[in-house]
Amino acid sequence: MRNIITALFLSSLLFATPAIAGSGHEHDKDGGHSHAQNTINSEEAATRAAMKVEQLANKGQIDGSWAGLEAASIEQKRYKNGPEWVITFKNGKVRDAAKQTLYLFFSLDGHYIAANYTGN
């Protein structure tokens, strides 16, 4: 019986797939994995927001006249879920006065959150 258990154990080692880490990841200075998120600066926030406005305009989610506009203001605001970048665009070509200001919200590490015309 002992020989059968030993044989089964050894054969299971032959068929087990070893877990091997692949390339494409980094280690921090202590040899561990770093999951820290880097905060982007205001210029990077404005660049990402302009690209997102372009994308929203191309998809027809906002008027095409928004494409190519530069940010009117960039600021960090604190909300209940934490601080966010708020990038504001102004567009006088839009007839509806309530929709002449577009607000885009990004996390501090640069991920798009939302866009609206209210700023809330």
N, C-alpha and C. Protein backbone atom coordinates (compact mmCIF):
# COMPACT_ATOMS: atom_id res chain seq x y z
N MET A 1 0.83 -1.19 0.00
CA MET A 1 0.00 0.00 0.00
C MET A 1 0.87 1.26 0.00
N ARG A 2 1.95 1.16 0.78
CA ARG A 2 2.85 2.31 0.86
C ARG A 2 3.48 2.59 -0.50
N ASN A 3 3.81 1.55 -1.23
CA ASN A 3 4.42 1.71 -2.56
C ASN A 3 3.43 2.34 -3.55
N ILE A 4 2.17 2.00 -3.43
CA ILE A 4 1.16 2.57 -4.32
C ILE A 4 1.00 4.06 -4.05
N ILE A 5 0.94 4.44 -2.78
CA ILE A 5 0.80 5.86 -2.43
C ILE A 5 2.02 6.64 -2.90
N THR A 6 3.20 6.07 -2.71
CA THR A 6 4.43 6.74 -3.16
C THR A 6 4.42 6.89 -4.67
N ALA A 7 4.01 5.86 -5.38
CA ALA A 7 3.97 5.91 -6.85
C ALA A 7 2.96 6.95 -7.33
N LEU A 8 1.80 7.02 -6.70
CA LEU A 8 0.81 8.02 -7.08
C LEU A 8 1.32 9.44 -6.81
N PHE A 9 1.97 9.62 -5.67
CA PHE A 9 2.51 10.94 -5.35
C PHE A 9 3.57 11.36 -6.36
N LEU A 10 4.48 10.47 -6.67
CA LEU A 10 5.55 10.80 -7.63
C LEU A 10 4.99 11.04 -9.03
N SER A 11 4.00 10.29 -9.44
CA SER A 11 3.42 10.51 -10.77
C SER A 11 2.64 11.82 -10.83
N SER A 12 2.04 12.23 -9.70
CA SER A 12 1.34 13.51 -9.70
C SER A 12 2.31 14.67 -9.85
N LEU A 13 3.53 14.51 -9.37
CA LEU A 13 4.54 15.55 -9.55
C LEU A 13 4.93 15.71 -11.02
N LEU A 14 4.89 14.62 -11.77
CA LEU A 14 5.25 14.68 -13.18
C LEU A 14 4.20 15.41 -14.01
N PHE A 15 2.95 15.32 -13.60
CA PHE A 15 1.87 15.91 -14.38
C PHE A 15 1.43 17.29 -13.88
N ALA A 16 1.94 17.70 -12.76
CA ALA A 16 1.58 19.01 -12.21
C ALA A 16 2.27 20.11 -13.02
N THR A 17 1.55 21.15 -13.30
CA THR A 17 2.11 22.29 -14.03
C THR A 17 2.71 23.26 -13.03
N PRO A 18 3.99 23.53 -13.16
CA PRO A 18 4.59 24.47 -12.20
C PRO A 18 4.14 25.90 -12.48
N ALA A 19 3.99 26.67 -11.43
CA ALA A 19 3.62 28.08 -11.56
C ALA A 19 4.90 28.89 -11.72
N ILE A 20 5.07 29.45 -12.89
CA ILE A 20 6.27 30.22 -13.18
C ILE A 20 5.85 31.63 -13.55
N ALA A 21 6.46 32.60 -12.91
CA ALA A 21 6.14 34.00 -13.21
C ALA A 21 6.75 34.37 -14.55
N GLY A 22 5.98 35.07 -15.33
CA GLY A 22 6.46 35.52 -16.63
C GLY A 22 7.06 36.92 -16.56
N SER A 23 7.44 37.40 -17.70
CA SER A 23 8.01 38.75 -17.77
C SER A 23 6.89 39.77 -17.78
N GLY A 24 7.26 41.04 -17.77
CA GLY A 24 6.27 42.09 -17.89
C GLY A 24 5.78 42.63 -16.56
N HIS A 25 6.55 42.41 -15.53
CA HIS A 25 6.19 43.01 -14.25
C HIS A 25 7.46 43.53 -13.59
N GLU A 26 7.30 44.40 -12.63
CA GLU A 26 8.44 45.02 -11.98
C GLU A 26 8.46 44.69 -10.50
N HIS A 27 9.64 44.79 -9.94
CA HIS A 27 9.82 44.63 -8.51
C HIS A 27 10.32 45.95 -7.94
N ASP A 28 9.92 46.23 -6.71
CA ASP A 28 10.43 47.46 -6.09
C ASP A 28 11.84 47.22 -5.58
N LYS A 29 12.44 48.22 -4.94
CA LYS A 29 13.83 48.13 -4.52
C LYS A 29 14.08 47.03 -3.50
N ASP A 30 13.04 46.59 -2.80
CA ASP A 30 13.19 45.53 -1.81
C ASP A 30 12.90 44.15 -2.40
N GLY A 31 12.61 44.09 -3.69
CA GLY A 31 12.36 42.81 -4.35
C GLY A 31 10.90 42.41 -4.41
N GLY A 32 10.01 43.20 -3.83
CA GLY A 32 8.59 42.87 -3.85
C GLY A 32 7.88 43.54 -5.00
N HIS A 33 6.64 43.17 -5.18
CA HIS A 33 5.83 43.80 -6.22
C HIS A 33 5.30 45.13 -5.72
N SER A 34 5.34 46.12 -6.56
CA SER A 34 4.84 47.43 -6.19
C SER A 34 3.48 47.66 -6.83
N HIS A 35 2.50 47.96 -6.02
CA HIS A 35 1.16 48.25 -6.53
C HIS A 35 0.78 49.71 -6.27
N ALA A 36 1.77 50.51 -5.97
CA ALA A 36 1.52 51.93 -5.73
C ALA A 36 1.12 52.61 -7.03
N GLN A 37 0.22 53.55 -6.92
CA GLN A 37 -0.23 54.28 -8.10
C GLN A 37 0.40 55.66 -8.08
N ASN A 38 0.94 56.06 -9.22
CA ASN A 38 1.59 57.35 -9.31
C ASN A 38 0.58 58.44 -9.63
N THR A 39 0.67 59.53 -8.92
CA THR A 39 -0.19 60.68 -9.16
C THR A 39 0.29 61.43 -10.39
N ILE A 40 -0.64 61.78 -11.27
CA ILE A 40 -0.26 62.56 -12.45
C ILE A 40 -0.31 64.04 -12.10
N ASN A 41 0.43 64.84 -12.87
CA ASN A 41 0.41 66.29 -12.64
C ASN A 41 -0.72 66.93 -13.45
N SER A 42 -0.91 68.22 -13.27
CA SER A 42 -2.03 68.91 -13.92
C SER A 42 -1.90 68.91 -15.44
N GLU A 43 -0.67 68.99 -15.96
CA GLU A 43 -0.49 68.98 -17.42
C GLU A 43 -0.91 67.63 -18.00
N GLU A 44 -0.54 66.54 -17.32
CA GLU A 44 -0.93 65.21 -17.78
C GLU A 44 -2.44 65.03 -17.66
N ALA A 45 -3.04 65.57 -16.61
CA ALA A 45 -4.50 65.49 -16.46
C ALA A 45 -5.19 66.22 -17.61
N ALA A 46 -4.67 67.39 -17.99
CA ALA A 46 -5.25 68.15 -19.10
C ALA A 46 -5.10 67.40 -20.42
N THR A 47 -3.95 66.77 -20.62
CA THR A 47 -3.73 66.00 -21.85
C THR A 47 -4.70 64.83 -21.94
N ARG A 48 -4.84 64.09 -20.85
CA ARG A 48 -5.76 62.95 -20.84
C ARG A 48 -7.21 63.40 -21.03
N ALA A 49 -7.55 64.53 -20.43
CA ALA A 49 -8.92 65.05 -20.56
C ALA A 49 -9.20 65.46 -22.00
N ALA A 50 -8.23 66.12 -22.65
CA ALA A 50 -8.42 66.53 -24.05
C ALA A 50 -8.60 65.31 -24.94
N MET A 51 -7.83 64.25 -24.68
CA MET A 51 -7.98 63.02 -25.46
C MET A 51 -9.35 62.40 -25.23
N LYS A 52 -9.84 62.46 -23.99
CA LYS A 52 -11.15 61.89 -23.68
C LYS A 52 -12.26 62.70 -24.34
N VAL A 53 -12.13 64.02 -24.34
CA VAL A 53 -13.13 64.88 -25.01
C VAL A 53 -13.17 64.52 -26.50
N GLU A 54 -12.01 64.36 -27.10
CA GLU A 54 -11.93 63.97 -28.52
C GLU A 54 -12.65 62.64 -28.74
N GLN A 55 -12.40 61.69 -27.85
CA GLN A 55 -13.03 60.37 -27.95
C GLN A 55 -14.56 60.47 -27.80
N LEU A 56 -15.02 61.24 -26.83
CA LEU A 56 -16.47 61.40 -26.63
C LEU A 56 -17.12 62.08 -27.83
N ALA A 57 -16.43 63.05 -28.42
CA ALA A 57 -16.96 63.74 -29.61
C ALA A 57 -17.01 62.79 -30.80
N ASN A 58 -15.97 61.99 -30.98
CA ASN A 58 -15.93 61.04 -32.10
C ASN A 58 -17.01 59.97 -31.97
N LYS A 59 -17.36 59.61 -30.75
CA LYS A 59 -18.42 58.62 -30.52
C LYS A 59 -19.81 59.23 -30.59
N GLY A 60 -19.90 60.55 -30.70
CA GLY A 60 -21.20 61.21 -30.76
C GLY A 60 -21.85 61.39 -29.40
N GLN A 61 -21.11 61.17 -28.34
CA GLN A 61 -21.68 61.33 -27.00
C GLN A 61 -21.76 62.79 -26.59
N ILE A 62 -20.92 63.62 -27.19
CA ILE A 62 -21.00 65.07 -27.02
C ILE A 62 -20.89 65.70 -28.41
N ASP A 63 -21.24 66.96 -28.53
CA ASP A 63 -21.19 67.66 -29.81
C ASP A 63 -19.77 67.65 -30.37
N GLY A 64 -19.66 67.51 -31.68
CA GLY A 64 -18.35 67.46 -32.33
C GLY A 64 -17.53 68.72 -32.18
N SER A 65 -18.17 69.85 -31.87
CA SER A 65 -17.44 71.10 -31.72
C SER A 65 -16.53 71.11 -30.48
N TRP A 66 -16.70 70.14 -29.58
CA TRP A 66 -15.83 70.04 -28.41
C TRP A 66 -14.43 69.55 -28.78
N ALA A 67 -14.32 68.81 -29.86
CA ALA A 67 -13.03 68.23 -30.25
C ALA A 67 -12.03 69.34 -30.55
N GLY A 68 -10.83 69.18 -30.03
CA GLY A 68 -9.75 70.12 -30.30
C GLY A 68 -9.66 71.29 -29.35
N LEU A 69 -10.60 71.42 -28.41
CA LEU A 69 -10.55 72.53 -27.46
C LEU A 69 -9.54 72.24 -26.35
N GLU A 70 -8.94 73.30 -25.83
CA GLU A 70 -8.02 73.16 -24.71
C GLU A 70 -8.78 73.36 -23.40
N ALA A 71 -8.23 72.80 -22.34
CA ALA A 71 -8.85 72.91 -21.02
C ALA A 71 -8.87 74.36 -20.56
N ALA A 72 -10.00 74.79 -20.00
CA ALA A 72 -10.12 76.14 -19.46
C ALA A 72 -9.57 76.21 -18.04
N SER A 73 -9.73 75.13 -17.28
CA SER A 73 -9.17 75.09 -15.92
C SER A 73 -8.91 73.65 -15.51
N ILE A 74 -7.95 73.51 -14.59
CA ILE A 74 -7.57 72.20 -14.06
C ILE A 74 -7.38 72.37 -12.57
N GLU A 75 -8.10 71.57 -11.79
CA GLU A 75 -7.93 71.67 -10.34
C GLU A 75 -8.23 70.34 -9.68
N GLN A 76 -7.68 70.18 -8.48
CA GLN A 76 -8.00 69.02 -7.67
C GLN A 76 -9.11 69.41 -6.70
N LYS A 77 -10.12 68.54 -6.63
CA LYS A 77 -11.21 68.76 -5.68
C LYS A 77 -11.37 67.51 -4.84
N ARG A 78 -11.80 67.71 -3.61
CA ARG A 78 -12.03 66.58 -2.71
C ARG A 78 -13.52 66.27 -2.67
N TYR A 79 -13.83 65.00 -2.93
CA TYR A 79 -15.20 64.50 -2.87
C TYR A 79 -15.27 63.42 -1.81
N LYS A 80 -16.45 62.85 -1.59
CA LYS A 80 -16.60 61.86 -0.52
C LYS A 80 -15.74 60.61 -0.75
N ASN A 81 -15.43 60.30 -2.01
CA ASN A 81 -14.58 59.15 -2.31
C ASN A 81 -13.10 59.53 -2.41
N GLY A 82 -12.77 60.77 -2.10
CA GLY A 82 -11.38 61.20 -2.14
C GLY A 82 -11.16 62.28 -3.18
N PRO A 83 -9.90 62.70 -3.33
CA PRO A 83 -9.59 63.77 -4.28
C PRO A 83 -9.64 63.30 -5.73
N GLU A 84 -9.99 64.22 -6.62
CA GLU A 84 -10.05 63.93 -8.05
C GLU A 84 -9.56 65.15 -8.81
N TRP A 85 -9.09 64.90 -10.02
CA TRP A 85 -8.81 66.00 -10.95
C TRP A 85 -10.13 66.39 -11.60
N VAL A 86 -10.40 67.69 -11.67
CA VAL A 86 -11.57 68.21 -12.39
C VAL A 86 -11.03 69.14 -13.47
N ILE A 87 -11.26 68.75 -14.72
CA ILE A 87 -10.77 69.52 -15.86
C ILE A 87 -11.99 70.10 -16.56
N THR A 88 -12.00 71.41 -16.74
CA THR A 88 -13.14 72.13 -17.30
C THR A 88 -12.83 72.60 -18.71
N PHE A 89 -13.78 72.41 -19.61
CA PHE A 89 -13.69 72.90 -20.99
C PHE A 89 -14.86 73.85 -21.23
N LYS A 90 -14.62 74.91 -21.98
CA LYS A 90 -15.67 75.88 -22.33
C LYS A 90 -15.84 75.87 -23.85
N ASN A 91 -17.10 75.94 -24.29
CA ASN A 91 -17.39 75.90 -25.72
C ASN A 91 -18.55 76.85 -26.02
N GLY A 92 -18.23 78.02 -26.56
CA GLY A 92 -19.24 79.01 -26.91
C GLY A 92 -20.05 78.65 -28.14
N LYS A 93 -19.62 77.61 -28.88
CA LYS A 93 -20.35 77.21 -30.09
C LYS A 93 -21.62 76.42 -29.77
N VAL A 94 -21.73 75.94 -28.55
CA VAL A 94 -22.90 75.18 -28.14
C VAL A 94 -24.02 76.17 -27.82
N ARG A 95 -25.19 75.97 -28.41
CA ARG A 95 -26.30 76.92 -28.24
C ARG A 95 -26.92 76.88 -26.86
N ASP A 96 -27.02 75.70 -26.29
CA ASP A 96 -27.62 75.55 -24.96
C ASP A 96 -26.61 76.04 -23.91
N ALA A 97 -26.93 77.14 -23.25
CA ALA A 97 -26.01 77.74 -22.27
C ALA A 97 -25.67 76.78 -21.13
N ALA A 98 -26.59 75.90 -20.79
CA ALA A 98 -26.34 74.94 -19.72
C ALA A 98 -25.32 73.88 -20.11
N LYS A 99 -25.03 73.77 -21.42
CA LYS A 99 -24.08 72.76 -21.90
C LYS A 99 -22.83 73.39 -22.52
N GLN A 100 -22.55 74.64 -22.18
CA GLN A 100 -21.35 75.30 -22.70
C GLN A 100 -20.10 75.01 -21.86
N THR A 101 -20.28 74.43 -20.69
CA THR A 101 -19.15 74.06 -19.84
C THR A 101 -19.20 72.55 -19.61
N LEU A 102 -18.11 71.88 -19.95
CA LEU A 102 -18.01 70.43 -19.80
C LEU A 102 -16.97 70.13 -18.73
N TYR A 103 -17.33 69.29 -17.78
CA TYR A 103 -16.44 68.90 -16.68
C TYR A 103 -16.05 67.44 -16.85
N LEU A 104 -14.76 67.18 -16.78
CA LEU A 104 -14.27 65.80 -16.81
C LEU A 104 -13.59 65.50 -15.48
N PHE A 105 -13.83 64.31 -14.98
CA PHE A 105 -13.30 63.89 -13.68
C PHE A 105 -12.35 62.71 -13.88
N PHE A 106 -11.17 62.84 -13.28
CA PHE A 106 -10.15 61.80 -13.35
C PHE A 106 -9.65 61.51 -11.94
N SER A 107 -9.28 60.26 -11.69
CA SER A 107 -8.63 59.94 -10.42
C SER A 107 -7.25 60.59 -10.43
N LEU A 108 -6.64 60.70 -9.27
CA LEU A 108 -5.33 61.35 -9.20
C LEU A 108 -4.26 60.57 -9.95
N ASP A 109 -4.49 59.27 -10.17
CA ASP A 109 -3.53 58.49 -10.94
C ASP A 109 -3.88 58.45 -12.43
N GLY A 110 -4.88 59.24 -12.85
CA GLY A 110 -5.13 59.43 -14.27
C GLY A 110 -6.21 58.60 -14.91
N HIS A 111 -7.01 57.89 -14.14
CA HIS A 111 -8.09 57.09 -14.72
C HIS A 111 -9.36 57.93 -14.86
N TYR A 112 -9.97 57.85 -16.03
CA TYR A 112 -11.20 58.58 -16.32
C TYR A 112 -12.32 58.07 -15.42
N ILE A 113 -13.06 59.00 -14.83
CA ILE A 113 -14.19 58.65 -13.97
C ILE A 113 -15.51 58.98 -14.65
N ALA A 114 -15.68 60.25 -15.05
CA ALA A 114 -16.96 60.66 -15.63
C ALA A 114 -16.82 62.03 -16.28
N ALA A 115 -17.87 62.40 -17.01
CA ALA A 115 -17.97 63.74 -17.61
C ALA A 115 -19.42 64.18 -17.49
N ASN A 116 -19.61 65.49 -17.25
CA ASN A 116 -20.96 66.03 -17.21
C ASN A 116 -20.92 67.54 -17.41
N TYR A 117 -22.09 68.14 -17.46
CA TYR A 117 -22.21 69.58 -17.66
C TYR A 117 -22.50 70.33 -16.35
N THR A 118 -22.58 69.62 -15.24
CA THR A 118 -22.94 70.26 -13.97
C THR A 118 -21.74 70.50 -13.05
N GLY A 119 -20.71 69.69 -13.19
CA GLY A 119 -19.56 69.80 -12.30
C GLY A 119 -19.73 69.07 -10.99
N ASN A 120 -20.81 68.34 -10.86
CA ASN A 120 -21.07 67.57 -9.62
C ASN A 120 -20.85 66.09 -9.85
